[in-house]
PDB file of N, CA and C in Angstrom:
ATOM      1  N   MET A   1      12.183   7.097  -2.925  1.00  0.00           N
ATOM      2  CA  MET A   1      10.830   6.717  -2.543  1.00  0.00           C
ATOM      3  C   MET A   1      10.294   5.580  -3.408  1.00  0.00           C
ATOM      4  N   ALA A   2      10.965   5.140  -4.387  1.00  0.00           N
ATOM      5  CA  ALA A   2      10.428   4.165  -5.345  1.00  0.00           C
ATOM      6  C   ALA A   2      10.425   2.731  -4.823  1.00  0.00           C
ATOM      7  N   ALA A   3      10.033   2.523  -3.573  1.00  0.00           N
ATOM      8  CA  ALA A   3      10.007   1.171  -3.023  1.00  0.00           C
ATOM      9  C   ALA A   3       8.889   0.337  -3.643  1.00  0.00           C
ATOM     10  N   PHE A   4       7.757   0.972  -3.963  1.00  0.00           N
ATOM     11  CA  PHE A   4       6.620   0.282  -4.556  1.00  0.00           C
ATOM     12  C   PHE A   4       6.145   1.057  -5.775  1.00  0.00           C
ATOM     13  N   ALA A   5       5.522   0.352  -6.691  1.00  0.00           N
ATOM     14  CA  ALA A   5       5.025   0.976  -7.915  1.00  0.00           C
ATOM     15  C   ALA A   5       3.540   0.691  -8.065  1.00  0.00           C
ATOM     16  N   ILE A   6       2.873   1.495  -8.863  1.00  0.00           N
ATOM     17  CA  ILE A   6       1.465   1.265  -9.150  1.00  0.00           C
ATOM     18  C   ILE A   6       1.310  -0.142  -9.726  1.00  0.00           C
ATOM     19  N   GLY A   7       0.351  -0.871  -9.176  1.00  0.00           N
ATOM     20  CA  GLY A   7       0.097  -2.241  -9.610  1.00  0.00           C
ATOM     21  C   GLY A   7       0.720  -3.301  -8.725  1.00  0.00           C
ATOM     22  N   ASP A   8       1.647  -2.905  -7.835  1.00  0.00           N
ATOM     23  CA  ASP A   8       2.249  -3.868  -6.914  1.00  0.00           C
ATOM     24  C   ASP A   8       1.207  -4.380  -5.923  1.00  0.00           C
ATOM     25  N   THR A   9       1.268  -5.670  -5.625  1.00  0.00           N
ATOM     26  CA  THR A   9       0.423  -6.256  -4.591  1.00  0.00           C
ATOM     27  C   THR A   9       1.213  -6.224  -3.292  1.00  0.00           C
ATOM     28  N   VAL A  10       0.623  -5.597  -2.284  1.00  0.00           N
ATOM     29  CA  VAL A  10       1.318  -5.386  -1.012  1.00  0.00           C
ATOM     30  C   VAL A  10       0.475  -5.885   0.156  1.00  0.00           C
ATOM     31  N   GLN A  11       1.171  -6.213   1.244  1.00  0.00           N
ATOM     32  CA  GLN A  11       0.494  -6.553   2.496  1.00  0.00           C
ATOM     33  C   GLN A  11       0.742  -5.416   3.465  1.00  0.00           C
ATOM     34  N   ILE A  12      -0.302  -5.029   4.178  1.00  0.00           N
ATOM     35  CA  ILE A  12      -0.218  -3.917   5.121  1.00  0.00           C
ATOM     36  C   ILE A  12       0.329  -4.442   6.449  1.00  0.00           C
ATOM     37  N   THR A  13       1.372  -3.790   6.951  1.00  0.00           N
ATOM     38  CA  THR A  13       2.019  -4.221   8.194  1.00  0.00           C
ATOM     39  C   THR A  13       1.898  -3.192   9.304  1.00  0.00           C
ATOM     40  N   GLY A  14       1.357  -2.014   9.004  1.00  0.00           N
ATOM     41  CA  GLY A  14       1.220  -0.956   9.999  1.00  0.00           C
ATOM     42  C   GLY A  14       0.079  -1.219  10.961  1.00  0.00           C
ATOM     43  N   SER A  15      -0.212  -0.257  11.815  1.00  0.00           N
ATOM     44  CA  SER A  15      -1.237  -0.434  12.849  1.00  0.00           C
ATOM     45  C   SER A  15      -2.662  -0.379  12.299  1.00  0.00           C
ATOM     46  N   VAL A  16      -2.856   0.239  11.136  1.00  0.00           N
ATOM     47  CA  VAL A  16      -4.190   0.328  10.536  1.00  0.00           C
ATOM     48  C   VAL A  16      -4.301  -0.707   9.431  1.00  0.00           C
ATOM     49  N   MET A  17      -5.343  -1.536   9.478  1.00  0.00           N
ATOM     50  CA  MET A  17      -5.630  -2.540   8.447  1.00  0.00           C
ATOM     51  C   MET A  17      -4.546  -3.620   8.349  1.00  0.00           C
ATOM     52  N   THR A  18      -3.852  -3.905   9.436  1.00  0.00           N
ATOM     53  CA  THR A  18      -2.762  -4.885   9.455  1.00  0.00           C
ATOM     54  C   THR A  18      -3.222  -6.230   8.900  1.00  0.00           C
ATOM     55  N   GLY A  19      -2.379  -6.798   8.015  1.00  0.00           N
ATOM     56  CA  GLY A  19      -2.643  -8.119   7.456  1.00  0.00           C
ATOM     57  C   GLY A  19      -3.414  -8.106   6.158  1.00  0.00           C
ATOM     58  N   ASN A  20      -4.095  -7.005   5.853  1.00  0.00           N
ATOM     59  CA  ASN A  20      -4.840  -6.926   4.599  1.00  0.00           C
ATOM     60  C   ASN A  20      -3.885  -6.872   3.416  1.00  0.00           C
ATOM     61  N   VAL A  21      -4.344  -7.403   2.290  1.00  0.00           N
ATOM     62  CA  VAL A  21      -3.570  -7.389   1.053  1.00  0.00           C
ATOM     63  C   VAL A  21      -4.299  -6.507   0.062  1.00  0.00           C
ATOM     64  N   GLY A  22      -3.556  -5.646  -0.620  1.00  0.00           N
ATOM     65  CA  GLY A  22      -4.172  -4.744  -1.586  1.00  0.00           C
ATOM     66  C   GLY A  22      -3.212  -4.415  -2.710  1.00  0.00           C
ATOM     67  N   THR A  23      -3.639  -3.479  -3.551  1.00  0.00           N
ATOM     68  CA  THR A  23      -2.876  -3.070  -4.725  1.00  0.00           C
ATOM     69  C   THR A  23      -2.571  -1.582  -4.638  1.00  0.00           C
ATOM     70  N   VAL A  24      -1.327  -1.222  -4.928  1.00  0.00           N
ATOM     71  CA  VAL A  24      -0.943   0.189  -4.974  1.00  0.00           C
ATOM     72  C   VAL A  24      -1.596   0.809  -6.208  1.00  0.00           C
ATOM     73  N   VAL A  25      -2.398   1.867  -5.984  1.00  0.00           N
ATOM     74  CA  VAL A  25      -3.107   2.506  -7.101  1.00  0.00           C
ATOM     75  C   VAL A  25      -2.637   3.935  -7.355  1.00  0.00           C
ATOM     76  N   HIS A  26      -1.851   4.487  -6.416  1.00  0.00           N
ATOM     77  CA  HIS A  26      -1.341   5.851  -6.591  1.00  0.00           C
ATOM     78  C   HIS A  26      -0.113   6.031  -5.707  1.00  0.00           C
ATOM     79  N   VAL A  27       0.866   6.778  -6.212  1.00  0.00           N
ATOM     80  CA  VAL A  27       2.059   7.105  -5.438  1.00  0.00           C
ATOM     81  C   VAL A  27       2.098   8.618  -5.270  1.00  0.00           C
ATOM     82  N   ASP A  28       2.064   9.077  -4.021  1.00  0.00           N
ATOM     83  CA  ASP A  28       2.143  10.502  -3.711  1.00  0.00           C
ATOM     84  C   ASP A  28       3.573  10.794  -3.262  1.00  0.00           C
ATOM     85  N   GLU A  29       4.433  11.114  -4.213  1.00  0.00           N
ATOM     86  CA  GLU A  29       5.842  11.309  -3.912  1.00  0.00           C
ATOM     87  C   GLU A  29       6.077  12.526  -3.024  1.00  0.00           C
ATOM     88  N   GLY A  30       5.238  13.539  -3.143  1.00  0.00           N
ATOM     89  CA  GLY A  30       5.382  14.733  -2.320  1.00  0.00           C
ATOM     90  C   GLY A  30       5.195  14.447  -0.839  1.00  0.00           C
ATOM     91  N   ARG A  31       4.284  13.560  -0.509  1.00  0.00           N
ATOM     92  CA  ARG A  31       4.004  13.206   0.888  1.00  0.00           C
ATOM     93  C   ARG A  31       4.699  11.915   1.305  1.00  0.00           C
ATOM     94  N   GLY A  32       5.272  11.197   0.334  1.00  0.00           N
ATOM     95  CA  GLY A  32       5.927   9.930   0.651  1.00  0.00           C
ATOM     96  C   GLY A  32       4.946   8.856   1.052  1.00  0.00           C
ATOM     97  N   ARG A  33       3.787   8.819   0.385  1.00  0.00           N
ATOM     98  CA  ARG A  33       2.723   7.890   0.754  1.00  0.00           C
ATOM     99  C   ARG A  33       2.242   7.116  -0.479  1.00  0.00           C
ATOM    100  N   TYR A  34       1.677   5.929  -0.213  1.00  0.00           N
ATOM    101  CA  TYR A  34       1.120   5.065  -1.252  1.00  0.00           C
ATOM    102  C   TYR A  34      -0.362   4.860  -0.989  1.00  0.00           C
ATOM    103  N   LEU A  35      -1.177   5.034  -2.023  1.00  0.00           N
ATOM    104  CA  LEU A  35      -2.609   4.754  -1.893  1.00  0.00           C
ATOM    105  C   LEU A  35      -2.818   3.297  -2.257  1.00  0.00           C
ATOM    106  N   VAL A  36      -3.335   2.527  -1.297  1.00  0.00           N
ATOM    107  CA  VAL A  36      -3.533   1.092  -1.476  1.00  0.00           C
ATOM    108  C   VAL A  36      -5.022   0.804  -1.461  1.00  0.00           C
ATOM    109  N   ARG A  37      -5.493   0.087  -2.484  1.00  0.00           N
ATOM    110  CA  ARG A  37      -6.895  -0.319  -2.566  1.00  0.00           C
ATOM    111  C   ARG A  37      -7.009  -1.760  -2.103  1.00  0.00           C
ATOM    112  N   VAL A  38      -7.906  -1.966  -1.135  1.00  0.00           N
ATOM    113  CA  VAL A  38      -8.194  -3.291  -0.603  1.00  0.00           C
ATOM    114  C   VAL A  38      -9.643  -3.596  -0.932  1.00  0.00           C
ATOM    115  N   GLY A  39      -9.885  -4.597  -1.745  1.00  0.00           N
ATOM    116  CA  GLY A  39     -11.243  -4.914  -2.164  1.00  0.00           C
ATOM    117  C   GLY A  39     -11.728  -3.917  -3.198  1.00  0.00           C
ATOM    118  N   ALA A  40     -13.042  -3.862  -3.368  1.00  0.00           N
ATOM    119  CA  ALA A  40     -13.629  -3.043  -4.428  1.00  0.00           C
ATOM    120  C   ALA A  40     -13.712  -1.561  -4.074  1.00  0.00           C
ATOM    121  N   VAL A  41     -13.890  -1.223  -2.797  1.00  0.00           N
ATOM    122  CA  VAL A  41     -14.142   0.176  -2.455  1.00  0.00           C
ATOM    123  C   VAL A  41     -13.297   0.737  -1.318  1.00  0.00           C
ATOM    124  N   THR A  42     -12.524  -0.071  -0.625  1.00  0.00           N
ATOM    125  CA  THR A  42     -11.736   0.406   0.516  1.00  0.00           C
ATOM    126  C   THR A  42     -10.334   0.770   0.058  1.00  0.00           C
ATOM    127  N   GLN A  43      -9.886   1.969   0.414  1.00  0.00           N
ATOM    128  CA  GLN A  43      -8.525   2.385   0.099  1.00  0.00           C
ATOM    129  C   GLN A  43      -8.042   3.362   1.154  1.00  0.00           C
ATOM    130  N   ASN A  44      -6.713   3.414   1.314  1.00  0.00           N
ATOM    131  CA  ASN A  44      -6.129   4.287   2.322  1.00  0.00           C
ATOM    132  C   ASN A  44      -4.681   4.567   1.940  1.00  0.00           C
ATOM    133  N   TYR A  45      -4.132   5.674   2.445  1.00  0.00           N
ATOM    134  CA  TYR A  45      -2.731   6.010   2.220  1.00  0.00           C
ATOM    135  C   TYR A  45      -1.864   5.398   3.311  1.00  0.00           C
ATOM    136  N   PHE A  46      -0.686   4.889   2.913  1.00  0.00           N
ATOM    137  CA  PHE A  46       0.263   4.292   3.842  1.00  0.00           C
ATOM    138  C   PHE A  46       1.662   4.759   3.495  1.00  0.00           C
ATOM    139  N   SER A  47       2.529   4.803   4.499  1.00  0.00           N
ATOM    140  CA  SER A  47       3.947   5.061   4.230  1.00  0.00           C
ATOM    141  C   SER A  47       4.583   3.743   3.784  1.00  0.00           C
ATOM    142  N   GLY A  48       5.749   3.834   3.209  1.00  0.00           N
ATOM    143  CA  GLY A  48       6.456   2.633   2.768  1.00  0.00           C
ATOM    144  C   GLY A  48       6.799   1.704   3.917  1.00  0.00           C
ATOM    145  N   ASP A  49       6.966   2.256   5.126  1.00  0.00           N
ATOM    146  CA  ASP A  49       7.276   1.444   6.307  1.00  0.00           C
ATOM    147  C   ASP A  49       6.101   0.585   6.744  1.00  0.00           C
ATOM    148  N   ASP A  50       4.890   0.928   6.301  1.00  0.00           N
ATOM    149  CA  ASP A  50       3.687   0.187   6.684  1.00  0.00           C
ATOM    150  C   ASP A  50       3.302  -0.873   5.667  1.00  0.00           C
ATOM    151  N   LEU A  51       4.156  -1.111   4.665  1.00  0.00           N
ATOM    152  CA  LEU A  51       3.835  -2.035   3.580  1.00  0.00           C
ATOM    153  C   LEU A  51       4.988  -2.982   3.311  1.00  0.00           C
ATOM    154  N   LYS A  52       4.661  -4.153   2.783  1.00  0.00           N
ATOM    155  CA  LYS A  52       5.682  -5.062   2.251  1.00  0.00           C
ATOM    156  C   LYS A  52       5.085  -5.743   1.026  1.00  0.00           C
ATOM    157  N   LEU A  53       5.960  -6.115   0.082  1.00  0.00           N
ATOM    158  CA  LEU A  53       5.483  -6.814  -1.105  1.00  0.00           C
ATOM    159  C   LEU A  53       4.854  -8.133  -0.672  1.00  0.00           C
ATOM    160  N   PHE A  54       3.714  -8.460  -1.262  1.00  0.00           N
ATOM    161  CA  PHE A  54       2.997  -9.676  -0.909  1.00  0.00           C
ATOM    162  C   PHE A  54       3.502 -10.822  -1.759  1.00  0.00           C
ATOM    163  N   SER A  55       3.765 -11.949  -1.110  1.00  0.00           N
ATOM    164  CA  SER A  55       4.120 -13.161  -1.832  1.00  0.00           C
ATOM    165  C   SER A  55       3.299 -14.300  -1.244  1.00  0.00           C
ATOM    166  N   SER A  56       2.619 -15.029  -2.101  1.00  0.00           N
ATOM    167  CA  SER A  56       1.754 -16.098  -1.617  1.00  0.00           C
ATOM    168  C   SER A  56       2.480 -17.398  -1.438  1.00  0.00           C
TER     169      SER A  56
END
């Protein structure tokens, strides 16, 4: 499950929030999900399939 780590900048590719860029702030290994914070107050859990490392 270690595809992403806390602090990684990722782009969301799934059906929810597609195209947004955020930071991984928590890894829930039991559920296989990553908590990604977008902006100051928006955050959501995503599977690894819904994320890719962001490169500018």
